[in-house]
Amino acid sequence: MKEQGFKSELLAKLKKSGLKLTGTREALLDIILRSPEKSFDAEDLFLSAANTIPGTGIATVYRNLSAFEKAGILKKSYNEKRYEYYLDIKKHPQGAKGDMFKGDYEDVDFDSELKKIKGMQSQLSDWIQGLNDIKKEKEIELENIIEDVTRLDEVIEKHGNQRENLIQIMLDFQNEYNWLPKHVLFYVSKKMKVPLSDIYGIASFYKFFNLEPRGRHSILVCVGTACHVRGSMDLLQRIVNVLEVNPGDTTKDLKFTLDTVNCLGCCALGPVMKLDETYYSNPTTKDLRKLFKDIK
């Protein structure tokens, strides 16, 4: 009952902030409320959501955590080389019914908890299988990281290993990866002897830096007035249906990132979408399938 009451407060706060309550957002809130831990990061939440919300990508988790933070549901702090999110500790339900661990260990029925642990073993094989997909979405594999070190050193040396060139160095890395992976920022911090907090501060301040995975190809759909009256929402829905990804998200294979803008500067073509540097006027579902399939 305590957890349910707190969930109602969170949902009310979410509604008050103007954010739409989607099935994915409610499911993520349920996972957060059931968590025995007081804090977590995006990877923790994504792992927990792997079986509960099939098809949810790491980019979706990042985007909803940001929305929860803006709505005042979560707080974010920097701790042990990672950003952690947490609810109000005083209100966080401890020992809620159904949790594997309880706040008061004196009341734990260890035989019952042991049965729950054994029951979870059947899920482990699915989680292990999913680790390879997680690596593709969030981090590159170890052998590729080793190869990356040589490339990182080349970029840093090109700029004289000078702290005043840090922003340009980060721009070069973003052009290389299309976002700033965590292992890259850690390496730059250690190599250039710059506090990691300073590097994250720069990456968070400038809008052109991306701390979340982005697709190799960018899709922009104009939803401004001129395109809207000509059916831009129908065009956007066709793209969503074909790629199976929502605006603001990236496809699982990291091939496409879908976003909306208020103007693309070519109202006469409306409704219009821009794929990388090419404009398309009101493509049909058939056109979209062929276009997305042919592009590498």
Protein backbone atom coordinates (compact mmCIF):
# COMPACT_ATOMS: atom_id res chain seq x y z
CA MET A 1 0.00 0.00 0.00
CA LYS A 2 2.89 2.36 0.81
CA GLU A 3 4.48 1.71 -2.59
CA GLN A 4 1.13 2.18 -4.37
CA GLY A 5 0.51 5.46 -2.58
CA PHE A 6 3.95 6.76 -3.47
CA LYS A 7 3.42 5.70 -7.09
CA SER A 8 0.20 7.74 -7.18
CA GLU A 9 2.15 10.79 -5.99
CA LEU A 10 4.75 10.29 -8.71
CA LEU A 11 2.12 9.86 -11.43
CA ALA A 12 0.39 13.04 -10.26
CA LYS A 13 3.71 14.91 -10.40
CA LEU A 14 4.34 13.50 -13.89
CA LYS A 15 0.93 14.68 -15.08
CA LYS A 16 1.40 18.11 -13.50
CA SER A 17 4.68 18.56 -15.38
CA GLY A 18 2.82 18.12 -18.68
CA LEU A 19 4.43 14.79 -19.61
CA LYS A 20 2.22 12.11 -21.11
CA LEU A 21 1.95 8.89 -19.10
CA THR A 22 2.94 6.15 -21.53
CA GLY A 23 3.03 2.42 -20.87
CA THR A 24 6.82 2.45 -21.02
CA ARG A 25 7.11 5.29 -18.49
CA GLU A 26 4.73 3.62 -16.06
CA ALA A 27 6.59 0.30 -16.39
CA LEU A 28 9.94 2.02 -15.71
CA LEU A 29 8.47 3.72 -12.63
CA ASP A 30 7.27 0.33 -11.39
CA ILE A 31 10.78 -1.10 -11.75
CA ILE A 32 12.27 1.87 -9.89
CA LEU A 33 9.75 1.56 -7.05
CA ARG A 34 10.37 -2.18 -6.68
CA SER A 35 14.13 -1.77 -6.64
CA PRO A 36 15.76 -2.62 -3.28
CA GLU A 37 18.58 -0.20 -4.10
CA LYS A 38 18.36 3.47 -3.18
CA SER A 39 20.18 4.60 -6.31
CA PHE A 40 20.81 3.30 -9.82
CA ASP A 41 22.21 4.38 -13.17
CA ALA A 42 20.78 4.05 -16.67
CA GLU A 43 22.49 0.70 -17.28
CA ASP A 44 21.01 -0.74 -14.06
CA LEU A 45 17.51 0.28 -15.12
CA PHE A 46 17.99 -0.97 -18.68
CA LEU A 47 19.12 -4.40 -17.43
CA SER A 48 16.09 -4.64 -15.12
CA ALA A 49 13.77 -3.60 -17.97
CA ALA A 50 15.21 -6.12 -20.46
CA ASN A 51 12.53 -8.74 -19.78
CA THR A 52 9.81 -6.54 -18.30
CA ILE A 53 9.56 -4.14 -21.26
CA PRO A 54 10.63 -6.06 -24.40
CA GLY A 55 12.04 -3.92 -27.19
CA THR A 56 13.02 -0.98 -24.98
CA GLY A 57 16.43 0.38 -26.00
CA ILE A 58 19.05 2.10 -23.87
CA ALA A 59 18.27 5.41 -25.61
CA THR A 60 14.63 5.15 -24.46
CA VAL A 61 15.78 4.60 -20.87
CA TYR A 62 18.07 7.65 -21.02
CA ARG A 63 15.31 9.81 -22.51
CA ASN A 64 12.75 8.83 -19.86
CA LEU A 65 15.23 9.29 -17.00
CA SER A 66 15.83 12.81 -18.27
CA ALA A 67 12.05 13.40 -18.43
CA PHE A 68 11.59 12.08 -14.87
CA GLU A 69 14.37 14.34 -13.66
CA LYS A 70 12.79 17.42 -15.28
CA ALA A 71 9.44 16.46 -13.76
CA GLY A 72 11.01 16.38 -10.29
CA ILE A 73 10.46 12.64 -9.82
CA LEU A 74 14.14 11.70 -9.78
CA LYS A 75 17.28 13.43 -8.63
CA LYS A 76 20.68 12.96 -10.28
CA SER A 77 24.11 13.04 -8.68
CA TYR A 78 27.63 12.20 -9.78
CA ASN A 79 29.09 9.35 -7.75
CA GLU A 80 31.92 6.87 -8.33
CA LYS A 81 32.52 7.85 -11.96
CA ARG A 82 28.87 7.60 -12.98
CA TYR A 83 25.65 9.57 -12.85
CA GLU A 84 23.19 8.01 -10.39
CA TYR A 85 19.47 8.60 -10.07
CA TYR A 86 17.47 8.26 -6.88
CA LEU A 87 14.06 8.98 -5.39
CA ASP A 88 13.44 10.92 -2.19
CA ILE A 89 15.03 8.56 0.36
CA LYS A 90 12.46 9.37 3.02
CA LYS A 91 9.66 8.26 0.76
CA HIS A 92 11.40 5.35 -0.96
CA PRO A 93 9.44 2.24 0.04
CA GLN A 94 11.67 -0.19 1.90
CA GLY A 95 10.71 -3.83 2.14
CA ALA A 96 7.67 -3.50 -0.14
CA LYS A 97 5.75 -6.70 -0.55
CA GLY A 98 7.18 -8.77 -3.37
CA ASP A 99 10.75 -7.38 -3.17
CA MET A 100 13.54 -9.94 -3.04
CA PHE A 101 15.22 -8.03 -0.20
CA LYS A 102 13.49 -6.19 2.66
CA GLY A 103 14.54 -3.19 4.69
CA ASP A 104 14.32 -5.08 7.99
CA TYR A 105 16.37 -8.27 7.67
CA GLU A 106 15.00 -9.62 10.94
CA ASP A 107 11.65 -10.18 9.20
CA VAL A 108 13.07 -11.99 6.18
CA ASP A 109 11.81 -15.51 5.51
CA PHE A 110 15.06 -16.91 4.15
CA ASP A 111 13.48 -20.13 2.87
CA SER A 112 10.98 -18.11 0.85
CA GLU A 113 13.68 -15.80 -0.45
CA LEU A 114 15.80 -18.80 -1.48
CA LYS A 115 12.90 -20.12 -3.55
CA LYS A 116 12.60 -16.76 -5.28
CA ILE A 117 16.30 -16.79 -6.10
CA LYS A 118 16.04 -20.27 -7.57
CA GLY A 119 13.04 -19.15 -9.59
CA MET A 120 15.09 -16.31 -11.07
CA GLN A 121 17.77 -18.70 -12.35
CA SER A 122 15.66 -19.57 -15.38
CA GLN A 123 15.90 -15.93 -16.48
CA LEU A 124 19.69 -15.74 -16.29
CA SER A 125 20.29 -17.36 -19.68
CA ASP A 126 18.08 -14.72 -21.33
CA TRP A 127 19.95 -11.92 -19.56
CA ILE A 128 23.33 -13.32 -20.58
CA GLN A 129 22.18 -13.57 -24.17
CA GLY A 130 21.05 -9.97 -23.99
CA LEU A 131 24.47 -8.75 -22.88
CA ASN A 132 25.83 -8.84 -26.43
CA ASP A 133 22.97 -6.60 -27.57
CA ILE A 134 23.65 -4.21 -24.70
CA LYS A 135 27.31 -3.99 -25.74
CA LYS A 136 26.31 -3.08 -29.27
CA GLU A 137 24.00 -0.32 -28.03
CA LYS A 138 26.10 1.17 -25.24
CA GLU A 139 29.72 0.10 -25.46
CA ILE A 140 31.98 -1.48 -28.05
CA GLU A 141 33.60 -4.84 -27.32
CA LEU A 142 36.94 -5.12 -25.56
CA GLU A 143 39.04 -5.79 -28.65
CA ASN A 144 37.58 -2.72 -30.35
CA ILE A 145 38.29 -0.61 -27.26
CA ILE A 146 41.94 -1.70 -27.42
CA GLU A 147 42.06 -0.66 -31.08
CA ASP A 148 40.38 2.63 -30.12
CA VAL A 149 43.20 3.59 -27.77
CA THR A 150 45.56 4.08 -30.71
CA ARG A 151 43.03 6.33 -32.45
CA LEU A 152 42.38 8.30 -29.23
CA ASP A 153 46.10 8.88 -28.75
CA GLU A 154 46.43 10.11 -32.35
CA VAL A 155 43.70 12.72 -31.87
CA ILE A 156 45.06 13.90 -28.52
CA GLU A 157 48.60 14.18 -29.91
CA LYS A 158 47.31 16.05 -32.98
CA HIS A 159 46.13 18.79 -30.64
CA GLY A 160 49.37 18.83 -28.67
CA ASN A 161 47.86 17.16 -25.60
CA GLN A 162 46.89 20.69 -24.51
CA ARG A 163 44.01 21.28 -22.11
CA GLU A 164 42.96 24.45 -23.98
CA ASN A 165 42.22 22.20 -27.00
CA LEU A 166 39.93 19.90 -25.00
CA ILE A 167 36.70 21.03 -26.69
CA GLN A 168 38.17 20.47 -30.17
CA ILE A 169 39.46 17.05 -29.08
CA MET A 170 35.97 16.11 -27.87
CA LEU A 171 34.49 17.38 -31.16
CA ASP A 172 36.86 15.11 -33.09
CA PHE A 173 35.79 12.15 -30.99
CA GLN A 174 32.10 12.97 -31.49
CA ASN A 175 32.64 13.11 -35.25
CA GLU A 176 34.32 9.71 -34.97
CA TYR A 177 31.61 7.97 -32.91
CA ASN A 178 28.59 10.24 -33.47
CA TRP A 179 28.36 10.53 -29.67
CA LEU A 180 30.75 10.53 -26.68
CA PRO A 181 31.01 7.00 -25.23
CA LYS A 182 31.83 6.64 -21.55
CA HIS A 183 35.12 4.80 -22.15
CA VAL A 184 36.33 7.66 -24.39
CA LEU A 185 35.68 10.29 -21.70
CA PHE A 186 37.40 8.15 -19.05
CA TYR A 187 40.46 7.75 -21.27
CA VAL A 188 40.68 11.46 -22.09
CA SER A 189 40.42 12.30 -18.39
CA LYS A 190 43.28 9.97 -17.47
CA LYS A 191 45.47 10.76 -20.49
CA MET A 192 45.17 14.55 -20.23
CA LYS A 193 44.98 14.66 -16.41
CA VAL A 194 41.67 16.53 -16.54
CA PRO A 195 39.04 15.79 -13.83
CA LEU A 196 36.25 13.66 -15.25
CA SER A 197 33.72 16.08 -13.72
CA ASP A 198 35.16 18.89 -15.89
CA ILE A 199 34.83 16.78 -19.04
CA TYR A 200 31.23 15.84 -18.24
CA GLY A 201 30.53 19.48 -17.46
CA ILE A 202 31.66 20.52 -20.94
CA ALA A 203 29.77 17.68 -22.62
CA SER A 204 26.57 18.59 -20.73
CA PHE A 205 26.85 22.36 -21.31
CA TYR A 206 27.25 22.38 -25.10
CA LYS A 207 24.18 21.19 -27.00
CA PHE A 208 26.17 19.77 -29.92
CA PHE A 209 27.69 17.05 -27.70
CA ASN A 210 25.76 13.78 -27.30
CA LEU A 211 26.17 11.61 -24.19
CA GLU A 212 23.61 9.09 -25.44
CA PRO A 213 24.03 6.66 -28.35
CA ARG A 214 23.02 8.15 -31.69
CA GLY A 215 22.32 6.42 -34.98
CA ARG A 216 24.75 6.52 -37.88
CA HIS A 217 22.04 8.29 -39.86
CA SER A 218 19.83 11.17 -38.70
CA ILE A 219 16.14 11.45 -39.65
CA LEU A 220 14.44 14.81 -39.08
CA VAL A 221 10.71 15.28 -39.63
CA CYS A 222 9.30 18.80 -39.86
CA VAL A 223 6.23 19.28 -37.63
CA GLY A 224 5.98 23.06 -38.12
CA THR A 225 2.72 24.73 -39.12
CA ALA A 226 3.15 24.51 -42.91
CA CYS A 227 4.07 20.81 -42.81
CA HIS A 228 1.57 20.01 -40.05
CA VAL A 229 -1.43 21.16 -42.09
CA ARG A 230 -0.18 19.07 -45.00
CA GLY A 231 0.00 15.85 -42.99
CA SER A 232 3.40 15.78 -41.28
CA MET A 233 1.98 13.76 -38.35
CA ASP A 234 0.88 11.04 -40.78
CA LEU A 235 4.38 11.03 -42.27
CA LEU A 236 5.91 10.80 -38.80
CA GLN A 237 3.63 7.88 -37.90
CA ARG A 238 4.64 6.03 -41.08
CA ILE A 239 8.30 6.39 -40.14
CA VAL A 240 7.58 5.23 -36.57
CA ASN A 241 5.76 2.18 -37.93
CA VAL A 242 8.53 1.25 -40.37
CA LEU A 243 11.47 1.73 -37.96
CA GLU A 244 9.59 0.70 -34.80
CA VAL A 245 11.13 3.60 -32.89
CA ASN A 246 9.61 6.72 -31.31
CA PRO A 247 10.72 10.33 -31.93
CA GLY A 248 13.83 11.07 -29.88
CA ASP A 249 14.96 7.43 -29.91
CA THR A 250 17.55 5.40 -31.80
CA THR A 251 16.96 2.05 -33.48
CA LYS A 252 18.41 -1.02 -31.75
CA ASP A 253 21.04 -1.51 -34.45
CA LEU A 254 22.17 2.13 -33.97
CA LYS A 255 21.47 2.79 -37.64
CA PHE A 256 18.87 5.59 -37.37
CA THR A 257 17.97 8.30 -34.85
CA LEU A 258 14.54 9.87 -35.32
CA ASP A 259 13.85 13.47 -34.26
CA THR A 260 11.32 16.22 -35.02
CA VAL A 261 12.01 19.90 -35.79
CA ASN A 262 9.82 22.97 -36.24
CA CYS A 263 11.22 23.90 -39.64
CA LEU A 264 13.54 22.48 -42.29
CA GLY A 265 13.44 25.57 -44.50
CA CYS A 266 11.59 24.00 -47.43
CA CYS A 267 7.90 24.55 -46.69
CA ALA A 268 6.88 24.11 -50.35
CA LEU A 269 7.87 20.42 -50.14
CA GLY A 270 5.79 19.76 -47.02
CA PRO A 271 5.28 17.43 -45.40
CA VAL A 272 9.01 16.83 -45.55
CA MET A 273 11.66 14.70 -43.89
CA LYS A 274 15.44 15.01 -44.01
CA LEU A 275 17.65 11.90 -44.03
CA ASP A 276 21.21 13.01 -43.33
CA GLU A 277 21.60 15.81 -45.93
CA THR A 278 18.84 14.74 -48.36
CA TYR A 279 15.23 16.03 -48.30
CA TYR A 280 12.20 13.84 -49.12
CA SER A 281 8.70 15.16 -49.77
CA ASN A 282 5.91 13.03 -48.25
CA PRO A 283 7.38 9.55 -48.96
CA THR A 284 4.94 6.63 -48.83
CA THR A 285 5.37 3.62 -46.57
CA LYS A 286 6.70 1.67 -49.56
CA ASP A 287 9.19 4.45 -50.33
CA LEU A 288 10.35 4.53 -46.70
CA ARG A 289 10.88 0.77 -46.49
CA LYS A 290 13.04 0.81 -49.61
CA LEU A 291 14.95 3.93 -48.54
CA PHE A 292 15.80 2.62 -45.06
CA LYS A 293 16.68 -0.84 -46.39
CA ASP A 294 19.04 0.44 -49.11
CA ILE A 295 21.02 2.87 -46.96
CA LYS A 296 24.10 1.41 -45.30
